[in-house]
Amino acid sequence: EIVGVADDGIEGLELVLKMKPDLVISDIKMPGLD
């Protein structure tokens, strides 16, 4: 189940804190927060 999709690390962090997923898949380099 994909519980959240973000286009940068800041939004990704917010989603992880909110959704508490089992796994985060992230690009290593992104604007703002990699």
ModelCIF file with pLDDT and N, C-alpha, C, O atoms, coordinates in Angstrom:
data_MODEL
#
_entry.id   MODEL 
#
_entity.id                         1 
_entity.type                       polymer 
_entity.pdbx_number_of_molecules   1 
#
_entity_poly.entity_id                      1 
_entity_poly.type                           'polypeptide(L)' 
_entity_poly.nstd_linkage                   no 
_entity_poly.nstd_monomer                   no 
_entity_poly.pdbx_seq_one_letter_code       EIVGVADDGIEGLELVLKMKPDLVISDIKMPGLD 
_entity_poly.pdbx_seq_one_letter_code_can   EIVGVADDGIEGLELVLKMKPDLVISDIKMPGLD 
_entity_poly.pdbx_strand_id                 A 
#
loop_
_entity_poly_seq.entity_id 
_entity_poly_seq.num 
_entity_poly_seq.mon_id 
_entity_poly_seq.hetero 
1 1  GLU n 
1 2  ILE n 
1 3  VAL n 
1 4  GLY n 
1 5  VAL n 
1 6  ALA n 
1 7  ASP n 
1 8  ASP n 
1 9  GLY n 
1 10 ILE n 
1 11 GLU n 
1 12 GLY n 
1 13 LEU n 
1 14 GLU n 
1 15 LEU n 
1 16 VAL n 
1 17 LEU n 
1 18 LYS n 
1 19 MET n 
1 20 LYS n 
1 21 PRO n 
1 22 ASP n 
1 23 LEU n 
1 24 VAL n 
1 25 ILE n 
1 26 SER n 
1 27 ASP n 
1 28 ILE n 
1 29 LYS n 
1 30 MET n 
1 31 PRO n 
1 32 GLY n 
1 33 LEU n 
1 34 ASP n 
#
_struct_asym.id          A 
_struct_asym.entity_id   1 
#
loop_
_ma_qa_metric.id 
_ma_qa_metric.mode 
_ma_qa_metric.name 
_ma_qa_metric.software_group_id 
_ma_qa_metric.type 
1 global pLDDT . pLDDT 
2 local  pLDDT . pLDDT 
#
_ma_qa_metric_global.metric_id      1 
_ma_qa_metric_global.metric_value   90.29 
_ma_qa_metric_global.model_id       1 
_ma_qa_metric_global.ordinal_id     1 
#
loop_
_ma_qa_metric_local.label_asym_id 
_ma_qa_metric_local.label_comp_id 
_ma_qa_metric_local.label_seq_id 
_ma_qa_metric_local.metric_id 
_ma_qa_metric_local.metric_value 
_ma_qa_metric_local.model_id 
_ma_qa_metric_local.ordinal_id 
A GLU 1  2 94.00 1 1  
A ILE 2  2 95.00 1 2  
A VAL 3  2 94.00 1 3  
A GLY 4  2 94.00 1 4  
A VAL 5  2 94.00 1 5  
A ALA 6  2 92.00 1 6  
A ASP 7  2 89.00 1 7  
A ASP 8  2 89.00 1 8  
A GLY 9  2 89.00 1 9  
A ILE 10 2 91.00 1 10 
A GLU 11 2 92.00 1 11 
A GLY 12 2 90.00 1 12 
A LEU 13 2 91.00 1 13 
A GLU 14 2 92.00 1 14 
A LEU 15 2 93.00 1 15 
A VAL 16 2 92.00 1 16 
A LEU 17 2 91.00 1 17 
A LYS 18 2 92.00 1 18 
A MET 19 2 92.00 1 19 
A LYS 20 2 92.00 1 20 
A PRO 21 2 93.00 1 21 
A ASP 22 2 91.00 1 22 
A LEU 23 2 93.00 1 23 
A VAL 24 2 93.00 1 24 
A ILE 25 2 93.00 1 25 
A SER 26 2 90.00 1 26 
A ASP 27 2 88.00 1 27 
A ILE 28 2 84.00 1 28 
A LYS 29 2 82.00 1 29 
A MET 30 2 86.00 1 30 
A PRO 31 2 84.00 1 31 
A GLY 32 2 84.00 1 32 
A LEU 33 2 87.00 1 33 
A ASP 34 2 84.00 1 34 
#
loop_
_atom_site.group_PDB 
_atom_site.id 
_atom_site.type_symbol 
_atom_site.label_atom_id 
_atom_site.label_alt_id 
_atom_site.label_comp_id 
_atom_site.label_asym_id 
_atom_site.label_entity_id 
_atom_site.label_seq_id 
_atom_site.pdbx_PDB_ins_code 
_atom_site.Cartn_x 
_atom_site.Cartn_y 
_atom_site.Cartn_z 
_atom_site.occupancy 
_atom_site.B_iso_or_equiv 
_atom_site.pdbx_formal_charge 
_atom_site.auth_seq_id 
_atom_site.auth_comp_id 
_atom_site.auth_asym_id 
_atom_site.auth_atom_id 
_atom_site.pdbx_PDB_model_num 
ATOM 1   N N  . GLU A 1 1  ? 0.842  -1.201 0.000  1.00 94.00 ? 1  GLU A N  1 
ATOM 2   C CA . GLU A 1 1  ? 0.000  0.000  0.000  1.00 94.00 ? 1  GLU A CA 1 
ATOM 3   C C  . GLU A 1 1  ? 0.882  1.258  0.000  1.00 94.00 ? 1  GLU A C  1 
ATOM 4   O O  . GLU A 1 1  ? 1.708  1.443  0.894  1.00 94.00 ? 1  GLU A O  1 
ATOM 5   N N  . ILE A 1 2  ? 0.700  2.109  -1.001 1.00 95.00 ? 2  ILE A N  1 
ATOM 6   C CA . ILE A 1 2  ? 1.401  3.404  -1.029 1.00 95.00 ? 2  ILE A CA 1 
ATOM 7   C C  . ILE A 1 2  ? 0.541  4.401  -0.251 1.00 95.00 ? 2  ILE A C  1 
ATOM 8   O O  . ILE A 1 2  ? -0.550 4.764  -0.690 1.00 95.00 ? 2  ILE A O  1 
ATOM 9   N N  . VAL A 1 3  ? 1.043  4.842  0.911  1.00 94.00 ? 3  VAL A N  1 
ATOM 10  C CA . VAL A 1 3  ? 0.235  5.708  1.783  1.00 94.00 ? 3  VAL A CA 1 
ATOM 11  C C  . VAL A 1 3  ? 0.582  7.185  1.616  1.00 94.00 ? 3  VAL A C  1 
ATOM 12  O O  . VAL A 1 3  ? -0.065 8.040  2.221  1.00 94.00 ? 3  VAL A O  1 
ATOM 13  N N  . GLY A 1 4  ? 1.606  7.504  0.796  1.00 94.00 ? 4  GLY A N  1 
ATOM 14  C CA . GLY A 1 4  ? 1.955  8.906  0.582  1.00 94.00 ? 4  GLY A CA 1 
ATOM 15  C C  . GLY A 1 4  ? 3.015  9.039  -0.495 1.00 94.00 ? 4  GLY A C  1 
ATOM 16  O O  . GLY A 1 4  ? 3.889  8.183  -0.629 1.00 94.00 ? 4  GLY A O  1 
ATOM 17  N N  . VAL A 1 5  ? 2.934  10.133 -1.271 1.00 94.00 ? 5  VAL A N  1 
ATOM 18  C CA . VAL A 1 5  ? 3.910  10.409 -2.324 1.00 94.00 ? 5  VAL A CA 1 
ATOM 19  C C  . VAL A 1 5  ? 4.345  11.873 -2.185 1.00 94.00 ? 5  VAL A C  1 
ATOM 20  O O  . VAL A 1 5  ? 3.505  12.769 -2.100 1.00 94.00 ? 5  VAL A O  1 
ATOM 21  N N  . ALA A 1 6  ? 5.653  12.106 -2.164 1.00 92.00 ? 6  ALA A N  1 
ATOM 22  C CA . ALA A 1 6  ? 6.198  13.461 -2.022 1.00 92.00 ? 6  ALA A CA 1 
ATOM 23  C C  . ALA A 1 6  ? 7.191  13.734 -3.129 1.00 92.00 ? 6  ALA A C  1 
ATOM 24  O O  . ALA A 1 6  ? 7.785  12.806 -3.678 1.00 92.00 ? 6  ALA A O  1 
ATOM 25  N N  . ASP A 1 7  ? 7.379  15.022 -3.468 1.00 89.00 ? 7  ASP A N  1 
ATOM 26  C CA . ASP A 1 7  ? 8.355  15.353 -4.511 1.00 89.00 ? 7  ASP A CA 1 
ATOM 27  C C  . ASP A 1 7  ? 9.593  16.043 -3.948 1.00 89.00 ? 7  ASP A C  1 
ATOM 28  O O  . ASP A 1 7  ? 10.403 16.574 -4.708 1.00 89.00 ? 7  ASP A O  1 
ATOM 29  N N  . ASP A 1 8  ? 9.747  16.040 -2.628 1.00 89.00 ? 8  ASP A N  1 
ATOM 30  C CA . ASP A 1 8  ? 11.010 16.501 -2.018 1.00 89.00 ? 8  ASP A CA 1 
ATOM 31  C C  . ASP A 1 8  ? 11.111 15.923 -0.612 1.00 89.00 ? 8  ASP A C  1 
ATOM 32  O O  . ASP A 1 8  ? 10.155 15.349 -0.090 1.00 89.00 ? 8  ASP A O  1 
ATOM 33  N N  . GLY A 1 9  ? 12.299 16.086 -0.002 1.00 89.00 ? 9  GLY A N  1 
ATOM 34  C CA . GLY A 1 9  ? 12.544 15.503 1.307  1.00 89.00 ? 9  GLY A CA 1 
ATOM 35  C C  . GLY A 1 9  ? 11.742 16.117 2.431  1.00 89.00 ? 9  GLY A C  1 
ATOM 36  O O  . GLY A 1 9  ? 11.388 15.425 3.385  1.00 89.00 ? 9  GLY A O  1 
ATOM 37  N N  . ILE A 1 10 ? 11.446 17.406 2.340  1.00 91.00 ? 10 ILE A N  1 
ATOM 38  C CA . ILE A 1 10 ? 10.678 18.074 3.403  1.00 91.00 ? 10 ILE A CA 1 
ATOM 39  C C  . ILE A 1 10 ? 9.269  17.496 3.470  1.00 91.00 ? 10 ILE A C  1 
ATOM 40  O O  . ILE A 1 10 ? 8.778  17.138 4.541  1.00 91.00 ? 10 ILE A O  1 
ATOM 41  N N  . GLU A 1 11 ? 8.626  17.413 2.298  1.00 92.00 ? 11 GLU A N  1 
ATOM 42  C CA . GLU A 1 11 ? 7.277  16.837 2.254  1.00 92.00 ? 11 GLU A CA 1 
ATOM 43  C C  . GLU A 1 11 ? 7.318  15.351 2.622  1.00 92.00 ? 11 GLU A C  1 
ATOM 44  O O  . GLU A 1 11 ? 6.416  14.833 3.280  1.00 92.00 ? 11 GLU A O  1 
ATOM 45  N N  . GLY A 1 12 ? 8.399  14.671 2.175  1.00 90.00 ? 12 GLY A N  1 
ATOM 46  C CA . GLY A 1 12 ? 8.548  13.254 2.512  1.00 90.00 ? 12 GLY A CA 1 
ATOM 47  C C  . GLY A 1 12 ? 8.633  13.040 4.007  1.00 90.00 ? 12 GLY A C  1 
ATOM 48  O O  . GLY A 1 12 ? 8.016  12.118 4.541  1.00 90.00 ? 12 GLY A O  1 
ATOM 49  N N  . LEU A 1 13 ? 9.404  13.896 4.699  1.00 91.00 ? 13 LEU A N  1 
ATOM 50  C CA . LEU A 1 13 ? 9.529  13.799 6.151  1.00 91.00 ? 13 LEU A CA 1 
ATOM 51  C C  . LEU A 1 13 ? 8.176  13.997 6.827  1.00 91.00 ? 13 LEU A C  1 
ATOM 52  O O  . LEU A 1 13 ? 7.824  13.263 7.750  1.00 91.00 ? 13 LEU A O  1 
ATOM 53  N N  . GLU A 1 14 ? 7.419  14.992 6.364  1.00 92.00 ? 14 GLU A N  1 
ATOM 54  C CA . GLU A 1 14 ? 6.103  15.263 6.938  1.00 92.00 ? 14 GLU A CA 1 
ATOM 55  C C  . GLU A 1 14 ? 5.179  14.047 6.771  1.00 92.00 ? 14 GLU A C  1 
ATOM 56  O O  . GLU A 1 14 ? 4.441  13.684 7.687  1.00 92.00 ? 14 GLU A O  1 
ATOM 57  N N  . LEU A 1 15 ? 5.237  13.427 5.585  1.00 93.00 ? 15 LEU A N  1 
ATOM 58  C CA . LEU A 1 15 ? 4.398  12.248 5.337  1.00 93.00 ? 15 LEU A CA 1 
ATOM 59  C C  . LEU A 1 15 ? 4.791  11.073 6.232  1.00 93.00 ? 15 LEU A C  1 
ATOM 60  O O  . LEU A 1 15 ? 3.929  10.365 6.753  1.00 93.00 ? 15 LEU A O  1 
ATOM 61  N N  . VAL A 1 16 ? 6.097  10.874 6.405  1.00 92.00 ? 16 VAL A N  1 
ATOM 62  C CA . VAL A 1 16 ? 6.567  9.770  7.249  1.00 92.00 ? 16 VAL A CA 1 
ATOM 63  C C  . VAL A 1 16 ? 6.106  9.970  8.688  1.00 92.00 ? 16 VAL A C  1 
ATOM 64  O O  . VAL A 1 16 ? 5.636  9.030  9.329  1.00 92.00 ? 16 VAL A O  1 
ATOM 65  N N  . LEU A 1 17 ? 6.241  11.200 9.199  1.00 91.00 ? 17 LEU A N  1 
ATOM 66  C CA . LEU A 1 17 ? 5.826  11.486 10.577 1.00 91.00 ? 17 LEU A CA 1 
ATOM 67  C C  . LEU A 1 17 ? 4.318  11.320 10.735 1.00 91.00 ? 17 LEU A C  1 
ATOM 68  O O  . LEU A 1 17 ? 3.849  10.896 11.791 1.00 91.00 ? 17 LEU A O  1 
ATOM 69  N N  . LYS A 1 18 ? 3.563  11.650 9.700  1.00 92.00 ? 18 LYS A N  1 
ATOM 70  C CA . LYS A 1 18 ? 2.108  11.580 9.776  1.00 92.00 ? 18 LYS A CA 1 
ATOM 71  C C  . LYS A 1 18 ? 1.580  10.159 9.553  1.00 92.00 ? 18 LYS A C  1 
ATOM 72  O O  . LYS A 1 18 ? 0.728  9.690  10.307 1.00 92.00 ? 18 LYS A O  1 
ATOM 73  N N  . MET A 1 19 ? 2.087  9.469  8.514  1.00 92.00 ? 19 MET A N  1 
ATOM 74  C CA . MET A 1 19 ? 1.523  8.183  8.106  1.00 92.00 ? 19 MET A CA 1 
ATOM 75  C C  . MET A 1 19 ? 2.174  6.989  8.804  1.00 92.00 ? 19 MET A C  1 
ATOM 76  O O  . MET A 1 19 ? 1.595  5.904  8.841  1.00 92.00 ? 19 MET A O  1 
ATOM 77  N N  . LYS A 1 20 ? 3.387  7.184  9.362  1.00 92.00 ? 20 LYS A N  1 
ATOM 78  C CA . LYS A 1 20 ? 4.116  6.113  10.055 1.00 92.00 ? 20 LYS A CA 1 
ATOM 79  C C  . LYS A 1 20 ? 4.169  4.831  9.198  1.00 92.00 ? 20 LYS A C  1 
ATOM 80  O O  . LYS A 1 20 ? 3.656  3.787  9.602  1.00 92.00 ? 20 LYS A O  1 
ATOM 81  N N  . PRO A 1 21 ? 4.792  4.924  8.014  1.00 93.00 ? 21 PRO A N  1 
ATOM 82  C CA . PRO A 1 21 ? 4.851  3.762  7.118  1.00 93.00 ? 21 PRO A CA 1 
ATOM 83  C C  . PRO A 1 21 ? 5.857  2.720  7.605  1.00 93.00 ? 21 PRO A C  1 
ATOM 84  O O  . PRO A 1 21 ? 6.613  2.958  8.547  1.00 93.00 ? 21 PRO A O  1 
ATOM 85  N N  . ASP A 1 22 ? 5.850  1.566  6.946  1.00 91.00 ? 22 ASP A N  1 
ATOM 86  C CA . ASP A 1 22 ? 6.863  0.542  7.217  1.00 91.00 ? 22 ASP A CA 1 
ATOM 87  C C  . ASP A 1 22 ? 8.145  0.853  6.457  1.00 91.00 ? 22 ASP A C  1 
ATOM 88  O O  . ASP A 1 22 ? 9.240  0.539  6.924  1.00 91.00 ? 22 ASP A O  1 
ATOM 89  N N  . LEU A 1 23 ? 8.006  1.479  5.267  1.00 93.00 ? 23 LEU A N  1 
ATOM 90  C CA . LEU A 1 23 ? 9.148  1.706  4.396  1.00 93.00 ? 23 LEU A CA 1 
ATOM 91  C C  . LEU A 1 23 ? 9.035  3.071  3.723  1.00 93.00 ? 23 LEU A C  1 
ATOM 92  O O  . LEU A 1 23 ? 7.946  3.485  3.325  1.00 93.00 ? 23 LEU A O  1 
ATOM 93  N N  . VAL A 1 24 ? 10.174 3.774  3.596  1.00 93.00 ? 24 VAL A N  1 
ATOM 94  C CA . VAL A 1 24 ? 10.234 4.992  2.778  1.00 93.00 ? 24 VAL A CA 1 
ATOM 95  C C  . VAL A 1 24 ? 11.226 4.735  1.645  1.00 93.00 ? 24 VAL A C  1 
ATOM 96  O O  . VAL A 1 24 ? 12.361 4.317  1.873  1.00 93.00 ? 24 VAL A O  1 
ATOM 97  N N  . ILE A 1 25 ? 10.771 4.995  0.421  1.00 93.00 ? 25 ILE A N  1 
ATOM 98  C CA . ILE A 1 25 ? 11.632 4.895  -0.770 1.00 93.00 ? 25 ILE A CA 1 
ATOM 99  C C  . ILE A 1 25 ? 11.939 6.321  -1.210 1.00 93.00 ? 25 ILE A C  1 
ATOM 100 O O  . ILE A 1 25 ? 11.032 7.096  -1.512 1.00 93.00 ? 25 ILE A O  1 
ATOM 101 N N  . SER A 1 26 ? 13.217 6.658  -1.244 1.00 90.00 ? 26 SER A N  1 
ATOM 102 C CA . SER A 1 26 ? 13.572 8.057  -1.501 1.00 90.00 ? 26 SER A CA 1 
ATOM 103 C C  . SER A 1 26 ? 14.736 8.172  -2.473 1.00 90.00 ? 26 SER A C  1 
ATOM 104 O O  . SER A 1 26 ? 15.665 7.364  -2.461 1.00 90.00 ? 26 SER A O  1 
ATOM 105 N N  . ASP A 1 27 ? 14.661 9.208  -3.324 1.00 88.00 ? 27 ASP A N  1 
ATOM 106 C CA . ASP A 1 27 ? 15.812 9.559  -4.140 1.00 88.00 ? 27 ASP A CA 1 
ATOM 107 C C  . ASP A 1 27 ? 16.890 10.105 -3.197 1.00 88.00 ? 27 ASP A C  1 
ATOM 108 O O  . ASP A 1 27 ? 16.583 10.755 -2.197 1.00 88.00 ? 27 ASP A O  1 
ATOM 109 N N  . ILE A 1 28 ? 18.140 9.834  -3.526 1.00 84.00 ? 28 ILE A N  1 
ATOM 110 C CA . ILE A 1 28 ? 19.214 10.261 -2.631 1.00 84.00 ? 28 ILE A CA 1 
ATOM 111 C C  . ILE A 1 28 ? 19.464 11.771 -2.711 1.00 84.00 ? 28 ILE A C  1 
ATOM 112 O O  . ILE A 1 28 ? 19.897 12.388 -1.737 1.00 84.00 ? 28 ILE A O  1 
ATOM 113 N N  . LYS A 1 29 ? 19.183 12.366 -3.896 1.00 82.00 ? 29 LYS A N  1 
ATOM 114 C CA . LYS A 1 29 ? 19.381 13.808 -4.060 1.00 82.00 ? 29 LYS A CA 1 
ATOM 115 C C  . LYS A 1 29 ? 18.064 14.452 -4.471 1.00 82.00 ? 29 LYS A C  1 
ATOM 116 O O  . LYS A 1 29 ? 17.468 14.098 -5.488 1.00 82.00 ? 29 LYS A O  1 
ATOM 117 N N  . MET A 1 30 ? 17.626 15.408 -3.655 1.00 86.00 ? 30 MET A N  1 
ATOM 118 C CA . MET A 1 30 ? 16.397 16.152 -3.941 1.00 86.00 ? 30 MET A CA 1 
ATOM 119 C C  . MET A 1 30 ? 16.582 17.581 -3.470 1.00 86.00 ? 30 MET A C  1 
ATOM 120 O O  . MET A 1 30 ? 17.402 17.839 -2.589 1.00 86.00 ? 30 MET A O  1 
ATOM 121 N N  . PRO A 1 31 ? 15.831 18.517 -4.043 1.00 84.00 ? 31 PRO A N  1 
ATOM 122 C CA . PRO A 1 31 ? 15.949 19.910 -3.601 1.00 84.00 ? 31 PRO A CA 1 
ATOM 123 C C  . PRO A 1 31 ? 15.411 20.090 -2.188 1.00 84.00 ? 31 PRO A C  1 
ATOM 124 O O  . PRO A 1 31 ? 14.549 19.332 -1.743 1.00 84.00 ? 31 PRO A O  1 
ATOM 125 N N  . GLY A 1 32 ? 15.922 21.095 -1.487 1.00 84.00 ? 32 GLY A N  1 
ATOM 126 C CA . GLY A 1 32 ? 15.429 21.396 -0.144 1.00 84.00 ? 32 GLY A CA 1 
ATOM 127 C C  . GLY A 1 32 ? 16.041 20.500 0.895  1.00 84.00 ? 32 GLY A C  1 
ATOM 128 O O  . GLY A 1 32 ? 16.890 20.938 1.671  1.00 84.00 ? 32 GLY A O  1 
ATOM 129 N N  . LEU A 1 33 ? 15.628 19.255 0.928  1.00 87.00 ? 33 LEU A N  1 
ATOM 130 C CA . LEU A 1 33 ? 16.146 18.258 1.872  1.00 87.00 ? 33 LEU A CA 1 
ATOM 131 C C  . LEU A 1 33 ? 16.346 16.971 1.097  1.00 87.00 ? 33 LEU A C  1 
ATOM 132 O O  . LEU A 1 33 ? 15.389 16.397 0.577  1.00 87.00 ? 33 LEU A O  1 
ATOM 133 N N  . ASP A 1 34 ? 17.608 16.512 1.019  1.00 84.00 ? 34 ASP A N  1 
ATOM 134 C CA . ASP A 1 34 ? 17.847 15.299 0.217  1.00 84.00 ? 34 ASP A CA 1 
ATOM 135 C C  . ASP A 1 34 ? 17.463 14.045 1.013  1.00 84.00 ? 34 ASP A C  1 
ATOM 136 O O  . ASP A 1 34 ? 17.592 12.930 0.507  1.00 84.00 ? 34 ASP A O  1 
#
